[in-house]
Amino acid sequence: MKEAVVLVHGIWMNGAEMFRLRQRLTDAGYECHLFKYQSIKCSPEENAEHLYEFQHSINAPVVHFVCHSLGGLVLLHLFDKYIIEKTGRVVFLGVPVNGSEVARRLSSTMVTRWVVGKSIEHGLLGDRPVWKKWRDLGVISGDFPLGVGLVVGGPALPHDGTVSVEETYVGGATDYLTMTVTHLGLLYSEAVAIQVVTFLRAGKFGDEASELLFDVT
């Protein structure tokens, strides 16, 4: 039976933007499942409850998680609230675990607060559960400064247009990697996909030699 990967999208998204990454993971031999959730109407903690039910229904011996942006905060609540029996690894892509400066600015005024909704509740403002090394965790951040976050001034450099590299640092993570991509580019880059697969297979990111873990054929 194949190992499974649960893809968890970010704020304002529905998972369709993860198509390229999903296809590359499928080509690498993984059984992919897309978890869709309401990023504005429900808090990360509330969405974690639905994610628990979703992953529990997957019939696979190993279940990995690949989370983009807000999706990583949902994942932190999942492991903080529930016992996840199946083994697997976790990859965070541009996840603002230390809070999002862009979200802080949007939530600071009545005019724009609705844009972030309940995502700021124990989530995008930094008050999220601590990562307690439940699994191997690989963190990839981007440093190509182009994205929607620039509309409100953007975070501190280096950043991916929406999330700064500093905002992605997780205490207890297994490995870190910064790549020259934008926030959305983390989902479309083949180089990022190679590193995701490498981490899922080896528990660490790779150099040119170990990138061959990704079978592009």
C-alpha atoms as a PDB file:
ATOM      1  CA  MET A   1       0.000   0.000   0.000  1.00  0.00           C
ATOM      2  CA  LYS A   2       1.267   3.474  -0.869  1.00  0.00           C
ATOM      3  CA  GLU A   3       2.255   6.041   1.707  1.00  0.00           C
ATOM      4  CA  ALA A   4      -0.242   8.898   1.842  1.00  0.00           C
ATOM      5  CA  VAL A   5       0.321  12.652   1.871  1.00  0.00           C
ATOM      6  CA  VAL A   6      -2.274  15.090   3.190  1.00  0.00           C
ATOM      7  CA  LEU A   7      -1.966  18.509   1.553  1.00  0.00           C
ATOM      8  CA  VAL A   8      -3.223  21.408   3.683  1.00  0.00           C
ATOM      9  CA  HIS A   9      -3.698  24.725   1.868  1.00  0.00           C
ATOM     10  CA  GLY A  10      -3.318  28.262   3.169  1.00  0.00           C
ATOM     11  CA  ILE A  11      -5.551  31.234   3.853  1.00  0.00           C
ATOM     12  CA  TRP A  12      -7.985  32.435   1.155  1.00  0.00           C
ATOM     13  CA  MET A  13      -7.315  29.233  -0.832  1.00  0.00           C
ATOM     14  CA  ASN A  14      -9.252  26.060  -1.621  1.00  0.00           C
ATOM     15  CA  GLY A  15      -6.437  23.687  -2.555  1.00  0.00           C
ATOM     16  CA  ALA A  16      -6.673  24.106  -6.319  1.00  0.00           C
ATOM     17  CA  GLU A  17      -3.418  26.084  -6.225  1.00  0.00           C
ATOM     18  CA  MET A  18      -1.659  22.950  -4.910  1.00  0.00           C
ATOM     19  CA  PHE A  19      -2.305  21.032  -8.137  1.00  0.00           C
ATOM     20  CA  ARG A  20       1.284  21.095  -9.405  1.00  0.00           C
ATOM     21  CA  LEU A  21       2.748  19.988  -6.096  1.00  0.00           C
ATOM     22  CA  ARG A  22       0.094  17.313  -5.769  1.00  0.00           C
ATOM     23  CA  GLN A  23       0.889  15.974  -9.230  1.00  0.00           C
ATOM     24  CA  ARG A  24       4.612  15.849  -8.484  1.00  0.00           C
ATOM     25  CA  LEU A  25       4.015  13.991  -5.236  1.00  0.00           C
ATOM     26  CA  THR A  26       1.739  11.555  -7.067  1.00  0.00           C
ATOM     27  CA  ASP A  27       4.439  11.013  -9.695  1.00  0.00           C
ATOM     28  CA  ALA A  28       6.861  10.255  -6.853  1.00  0.00           C
ATOM     29  CA  GLY A  29       4.614   7.425  -5.700  1.00  0.00           C
ATOM     30  CA  TYR A  30       2.504   9.027  -2.970  1.00  0.00           C
ATOM     31  CA  GLU A  31      -1.251   8.724  -2.540  1.00  0.00           C
ATOM     32  CA  CYS A  32      -2.318  12.361  -2.193  1.00  0.00           C
ATOM     33  CA  HIS A  33      -5.318  13.695  -0.285  1.00  0.00           C
ATOM     34  CA  LEU A  34      -6.337  17.349  -0.295  1.00  0.00           C
ATOM     35  CA  PHE A  35      -7.826  18.692   2.932  1.00  0.00           C
ATOM     36  CA  LYS A  36     -10.131  21.636   2.272  1.00  0.00           C
ATOM     37  CA  TYR A  37     -11.231  23.916   5.071  1.00  0.00           C
ATOM     38  CA  GLN A  38     -12.750  27.342   5.732  1.00  0.00           C
ATOM     39  CA  SER A  39      -9.758  29.512   6.516  1.00  0.00           C
ATOM     40  CA  ILE A  40     -11.708  32.677   7.382  1.00  0.00           C
ATOM     41  CA  LYS A  41     -14.931  31.421   8.948  1.00  0.00           C
ATOM     42  CA  CYS A  42     -13.253  28.890  11.248  1.00  0.00           C
ATOM     43  CA  SER A  43     -10.238  29.207  13.518  1.00  0.00           C
ATOM     44  CA  PRO A  44      -7.145  27.001  13.056  1.00  0.00           C
ATOM     45  CA  GLU A  45      -8.170  25.078  16.166  1.00  0.00           C
ATOM     46  CA  GLU A  46     -11.653  24.419  14.782  1.00  0.00           C
ATOM     47  CA  ASN A  47     -10.211  23.326  11.455  1.00  0.00           C
ATOM     48  CA  ALA A  48      -7.835  20.971  13.262  1.00  0.00           C
ATOM     49  CA  GLU A  49     -10.853  19.006  14.448  1.00  0.00           C
ATOM     50  CA  HIS A  50     -11.954  18.464  10.858  1.00  0.00           C
ATOM     51  CA  LEU A  51      -8.391  17.610   9.829  1.00  0.00           C
ATOM     52  CA  TYR A  52      -8.259  14.943  12.535  1.00  0.00           C
ATOM     53  CA  GLU A  53     -11.390  13.292  11.161  1.00  0.00           C
ATOM     54  CA  PHE A  54     -10.076  13.630   7.602  1.00  0.00           C
ATOM     55  CA  GLN A  55      -6.679  12.010   8.227  1.00  0.00           C
ATOM     56  CA  HIS A  56      -8.219   9.314  10.427  1.00  0.00           C
ATOM     57  CA  SER A  57     -10.308   8.121   7.461  1.00  0.00           C
ATOM     58  CA  ILE A  58      -7.252   7.519   5.238  1.00  0.00           C
ATOM     59  CA  ASN A  59      -6.440   3.830   4.832  1.00  0.00           C
ATOM     60  CA  ALA A  60      -2.655   3.946   4.611  1.00  0.00           C
ATOM     61  CA  PRO A  61       0.107   2.738   6.979  1.00  0.00           C
ATOM     62  CA  VAL A  62       2.012   6.031   6.754  1.00  0.00           C
ATOM     63  CA  VAL A  63       0.417   9.483   6.501  1.00  0.00           C
ATOM     64  CA  HIS A  64       2.610  12.535   5.843  1.00  0.00           C
ATOM     65  CA  PHE A  65       1.485  16.169   5.947  1.00  0.00           C
ATOM     66  CA  VAL A  66       2.582  18.980   3.610  1.00  0.00           C
ATOM     67  CA  CYS A  67       1.205  22.332   4.748  1.00  0.00           C
ATOM     68  CA  HIS A  68       1.292  25.737   3.110  1.00  0.00           C
ATOM     69  CA  SER A  69       1.022  28.993   5.085  1.00  0.00           C
ATOM     70  CA  LEU A  70      -1.980  28.956   7.466  1.00  0.00           C
ATOM     71  CA  GLY A  71      -2.279  25.208   6.894  1.00  0.00           C
ATOM     72  CA  GLY A  72       0.758  24.661   9.080  1.00  0.00           C
ATOM     73  CA  LEU A  73      -0.935  26.405  11.998  1.00  0.00           C
ATOM     74  CA  VAL A  74      -3.925  24.086  11.609  1.00  0.00           C
ATOM     75  CA  LEU A  75      -1.462  21.189  11.751  1.00  0.00           C
ATOM     76  CA  LEU A  76       0.076  22.481  15.013  1.00  0.00           C
ATOM     77  CA  HIS A  77      -3.362  22.455  16.627  1.00  0.00           C
ATOM     78  CA  LEU A  78      -3.975  18.945  15.276  1.00  0.00           C
ATOM     79  CA  PHE A  79      -0.937  17.489  17.035  1.00  0.00           C
ATOM     80  CA  ASP A  80      -1.505  19.590  20.145  1.00  0.00           C
ATOM     81  CA  LYS A  81      -5.083  18.361  20.602  1.00  0.00           C
ATOM     82  CA  TYR A  82      -5.031  14.790  19.332  1.00  0.00           C
ATOM     83  CA  ILE A  83      -2.969  11.614  19.385  1.00  0.00           C
ATOM     84  CA  ILE A  84      -2.071  10.753  15.797  1.00  0.00           C
ATOM     85  CA  GLU A  85      -1.360   7.044  15.713  1.00  0.00           C
ATOM     86  CA  LYS A  86       0.037   6.657  12.203  1.00  0.00           C
ATOM     87  CA  THR A  87       3.641   7.537  11.452  1.00  0.00           C
ATOM     88  CA  GLY A  88       4.877  10.003   8.847  1.00  0.00           C
ATOM     89  CA  ARG A  89       6.717  13.267   8.372  1.00  0.00           C
ATOM     90  CA  VAL A  90       5.674  16.922   8.087  1.00  0.00           C
ATOM     91  CA  VAL A  91       6.809  19.674   5.712  1.00  0.00           C
ATOM     92  CA  PHE A  92       5.922  23.336   6.252  1.00  0.00           C
ATOM     93  CA  LEU A  93       5.969  25.671   3.236  1.00  0.00           C
ATOM     94  CA  GLY A  94       6.033  29.354   4.180  1.00  0.00           C
ATOM     95  CA  VAL A  95       4.203  28.809   7.465  1.00  0.00           C
ATOM     96  CA  PRO A  96       4.250  31.932   9.723  1.00  0.00           C
ATOM     97  CA  VAL A  97       4.562  30.018  12.990  1.00  0.00           C
ATOM     98  CA  ASN A  98       5.873  33.125  14.765  1.00  0.00           C
ATOM     99  CA  GLY A  99       2.958  35.236  13.631  1.00  0.00           C
ATOM    100  CA  SER A 100       2.360  37.154  10.422  1.00  0.00           C
ATOM    101  CA  GLU A 101       3.153  40.851  10.230  1.00  0.00           C
ATOM    102  CA  VAL A 102       0.862  41.099   7.218  1.00  0.00           C
ATOM    103  CA  ALA A 103      -1.995  39.524   9.200  1.00  0.00           C
ATOM    104  CA  ARG A 104      -1.327  41.853  12.132  1.00  0.00           C
ATOM    105  CA  ARG A 105      -1.689  44.890   9.894  1.00  0.00           C
ATOM    106  CA  LEU A 106      -4.857  43.563   8.279  1.00  0.00           C
ATOM    107  CA  SER A 107      -6.414  42.744  11.653  1.00  0.00           C
ATOM    108  CA  SER A 108      -5.533  46.112  13.197  1.00  0.00           C
ATOM    109  CA  THR A 109      -8.350  48.074  11.529  1.00  0.00           C
ATOM    110  CA  MET A 110     -12.085  47.486  11.253  1.00  0.00           C
ATOM    111  CA  VAL A 111     -11.912  48.105   7.511  1.00  0.00           C
ATOM    112  CA  THR A 112      -9.636  45.146   6.792  1.00  0.00           C
ATOM    113  CA  ARG A 113     -10.155  42.825   9.794  1.00  0.00           C
ATOM    114  CA  TRP A 114     -12.751  40.768   7.928  1.00  0.00           C
ATOM    115  CA  VAL A 115     -10.050  39.738   5.420  1.00  0.00           C
ATOM    116  CA  VAL A 116      -8.333  37.523   7.998  1.00  0.00           C
ATOM    117  CA  GLY A 117     -11.452  36.557   9.953  1.00  0.00           C
ATOM    118  CA  LYS A 118     -10.969  33.828  12.568  1.00  0.00           C
ATOM    119  CA  SER A 119      -7.557  32.825  11.190  1.00  0.00           C
ATOM    120  CA  ILE A 120      -5.974  35.119  13.782  1.00  0.00           C
ATOM    121  CA  GLU A 121      -7.441  33.155  16.716  1.00  0.00           C
ATOM    122  CA  HIS A 122      -4.461  31.204  18.111  1.00  0.00           C
ATOM    123  CA  GLY A 123      -2.976  31.356  14.657  1.00  0.00           C
ATOM    124  CA  LEU A 124      -1.641  34.161  12.491  1.00  0.00           C
ATOM    125  CA  LEU A 125      -0.894  36.494  15.398  1.00  0.00           C
ATOM    126  CA  GLY A 126       1.640  34.035  16.807  1.00  0.00           C
ATOM    127  CA  ASP A 127      -0.216  32.553  19.789  1.00  0.00           C
ATOM    128  CA  ARG A 128      -0.197  29.006  18.461  1.00  0.00           C
ATOM    129  CA  PRO A 129       0.694  25.645  20.066  1.00  0.00           C
ATOM    130  CA  VAL A 130       4.365  24.814  20.577  1.00  0.00           C
ATOM    131  CA  TRP A 131       5.827  22.161  18.290  1.00  0.00           C
ATOM    132  CA  LYS A 132       6.827  19.291  20.586  1.00  0.00           C
ATOM    133  CA  LYS A 133       8.780  17.212  18.072  1.00  0.00           C
ATOM    134  CA  TRP A 134       5.906  14.840  17.467  1.00  0.00           C
ATOM    135  CA  ARG A 135       7.389  13.973  14.061  1.00  0.00           C
ATOM    136  CA  ASP A 136      10.265  14.916  11.761  1.00  0.00           C
ATOM    137  CA  LEU A 137       9.490  18.445  10.586  1.00  0.00           C
ATOM    138  CA  GLY A 138      11.085  20.125   7.590  1.00  0.00           C
ATOM    139  CA  VAL A 139      10.609  23.869   7.068  1.00  0.00           C
ATOM    140  CA  ILE A 140      10.988  25.575   3.683  1.00  0.00           C
ATOM    141  CA  SER A 141      10.778  29.355   3.382  1.00  0.00           C
ATOM    142  CA  GLY A 142      11.010  31.625   0.358  1.00  0.00           C
ATOM    143  CA  ASP A 143      13.029  34.804  -0.077  1.00  0.00           C
ATOM    144  CA  PHE A 144      11.849  36.167  -3.438  1.00  0.00           C
ATOM    145  CA  PRO A 145      10.073  39.358  -2.234  1.00  0.00           C
ATOM    146  CA  LEU A 146       7.020  39.514  -4.482  1.00  0.00           C
ATOM    147  CA  GLY A 147       3.465  38.831  -3.349  1.00  0.00           C
ATOM    148  CA  VAL A 148       0.124  40.076  -2.042  1.00  0.00           C
ATOM    149  CA  GLY A 149       1.651  41.000   1.317  1.00  0.00           C
ATOM    150  CA  LEU A 150       3.325  43.981  -0.309  1.00  0.00           C
ATOM    151  CA  VAL A 151      -0.083  45.645  -0.576  1.00  0.00           C
ATOM    152  CA  VAL A 152       0.097  46.381   3.165  1.00  0.00           C
ATOM    153  CA  GLY A 153       3.840  46.988   3.246  1.00  0.00           C
ATOM    154  CA  GLY A 154       5.109  43.436   3.477  1.00  0.00           C
ATOM    155  CA  PRO A 155       7.041  41.778   6.323  1.00  0.00           C
ATOM    156  CA  ALA A 156      10.705  42.335   7.175  1.00  0.00           C
ATOM    157  CA  LEU A 157      13.297  41.186   4.661  1.00  0.00           C
ATOM    158  CA  PRO A 158      14.129  38.525   3.684  1.00  0.00           C
ATOM    159  CA  HIS A 159      10.599  37.454   2.777  1.00  0.00           C
ATOM    160  CA  ASP A 160       8.593  35.726   0.054  1.00  0.00           C
ATOM    161  CA  GLY A 161       6.205  38.605  -0.565  1.00  0.00           C
ATOM    162  CA  THR A 162       3.876  37.565   2.244  1.00  0.00           C
ATOM    163  CA  VAL A 163       5.805  35.739   4.982  1.00  0.00           C
ATOM    164  CA  SER A 164       9.298  36.563   6.239  1.00  0.00           C
ATOM    165  CA  VAL A 165      11.960  33.902   6.675  1.00  0.00           C
ATOM    166  CA  GLU A 166      12.150  34.758  10.386  1.00  0.00           C
ATOM    167  CA  GLU A 167       8.411  34.163  10.772  1.00  0.00           C
ATOM    168  CA  THR A 168       8.868  30.541   9.637  1.00  0.00           C
ATOM    169  CA  TYR A 169      11.451  29.458  12.226  1.00  0.00           C
ATOM    170  CA  VAL A 170      10.152  26.602  14.393  1.00  0.00           C
ATOM    171  CA  GLY A 171      11.837  25.482  17.578  1.00  0.00           C
ATOM    172  CA  GLY A 172      12.354  21.731  17.398  1.00  0.00           C
ATOM    173  CA  ALA A 173      12.217  21.469  13.609  1.00  0.00           C
ATOM    174  CA  THR A 174      14.414  18.795  12.043  1.00  0.00           C
ATOM    175  CA  ASP A 175      15.723  20.768   9.067  1.00  0.00           C
ATOM    176  CA  TYR A 176      15.405  24.206   7.464  1.00  0.00           C
ATOM    177  CA  LEU A 177      15.785  25.413   3.908  1.00  0.00           C
ATOM    178  CA  THR A 178      15.347  28.813   2.262  1.00  0.00           C
ATOM    179  CA  MET A 179      14.768  28.905  -1.501  1.00  0.00           C
ATOM    180  CA  THR A 180      14.469  31.748  -4.010  1.00  0.00           C
ATOM    181  CA  VAL A 181      10.719  31.530  -4.576  1.00  0.00           C
ATOM    182  CA  THR A 182       7.624  33.563  -3.718  1.00  0.00           C
ATOM    183  CA  HIS A 183       4.949  32.520  -1.267  1.00  0.00           C
ATOM    184  CA  LEU A 184       2.811  30.944  -4.001  1.00  0.00           C
ATOM    185  CA  GLY A 185       5.944  29.845  -5.823  1.00  0.00           C
ATOM    186  CA  LEU A 186       6.534  27.377  -2.993  1.00  0.00           C
ATOM    187  CA  LEU A 187       3.651  25.399  -4.478  1.00  0.00           C
ATOM    188  CA  TYR A 188       4.686  25.567  -8.132  1.00  0.00           C
ATOM    189  CA  SER A 189       8.470  25.209  -8.026  1.00  0.00           C
ATOM    190  CA  GLU A 190       9.855  21.860  -9.163  1.00  0.00           C
ATOM    191  CA  ALA A 191      12.951  22.451  -7.032  1.00  0.00           C
ATOM    192  CA  VAL A 192      10.758  22.856  -3.943  1.00  0.00           C
ATOM    193  CA  ALA A 193       8.824  19.686  -4.826  1.00  0.00           C
ATOM    194  CA  ILE A 194      12.112  17.773  -5.070  1.00  0.00           C
ATOM    195  CA  GLN A 195      13.065  18.935  -1.603  1.00  0.00           C
ATOM    196  CA  VAL A 196       9.639  18.025  -0.208  1.00  0.00           C
ATOM    197  CA  VAL A 197       9.938  14.478  -1.533  1.00  0.00           C
ATOM    198  CA  THR A 198      13.526  14.238  -0.312  1.00  0.00           C
ATOM    199  CA  PHE A 199      12.451  15.174   3.201  1.00  0.00           C
ATOM    200  CA  LEU A 200       9.478  12.809   3.204  1.00  0.00           C
ATOM    201  CA  ARG A 201      11.798   9.956   2.220  1.00  0.00           C
ATOM    202  CA  ALA A 202      14.960  10.798   4.145  1.00  0.00           C
ATOM    203  CA  GLY A 203      13.937  13.099   6.996  1.00  0.00           C
ATOM    204  CA  LYS A 204      16.252  15.852   5.758  1.00  0.00           C
ATOM    205  CA  PHE A 205      16.628  18.167   2.802  1.00  0.00           C
ATOM    206  CA  GLY A 206      19.140  17.314   0.129  1.00  0.00           C
ATOM    207  CA  ASP A 207      22.053  18.541  -1.899  1.00  0.00           C
ATOM    208  CA  GLU A 208      22.458  17.841  -5.612  1.00  0.00           C
ATOM    209  CA  ALA A 209      23.196  14.173  -5.001  1.00  0.00           C
ATOM    210  CA  SER A 210      20.289  13.383  -2.728  1.00  0.00           C
ATOM    211  CA  GLU A 211      17.850  15.265  -4.947  1.00  0.00           C
ATOM    212  CA  LEU A 212      17.889  12.083  -6.996  1.00  0.00           C
ATOM    213  CA  LEU A 213      15.505  10.706  -4.372  1.00  0.00           C
ATOM    214  CA  PHE A 214      12.830  12.381  -6.502  1.00  0.00           C
ATOM    215  CA  ASP A 215      12.134  10.154  -9.484  1.00  0.00           C
ATOM    216  CA  VAL A 216      11.068  12.650 -12.137  1.00  0.00           C
ATOM    217  CA  THR A 217      10.166   9.803 -14.489  1.00  0.00           C
END
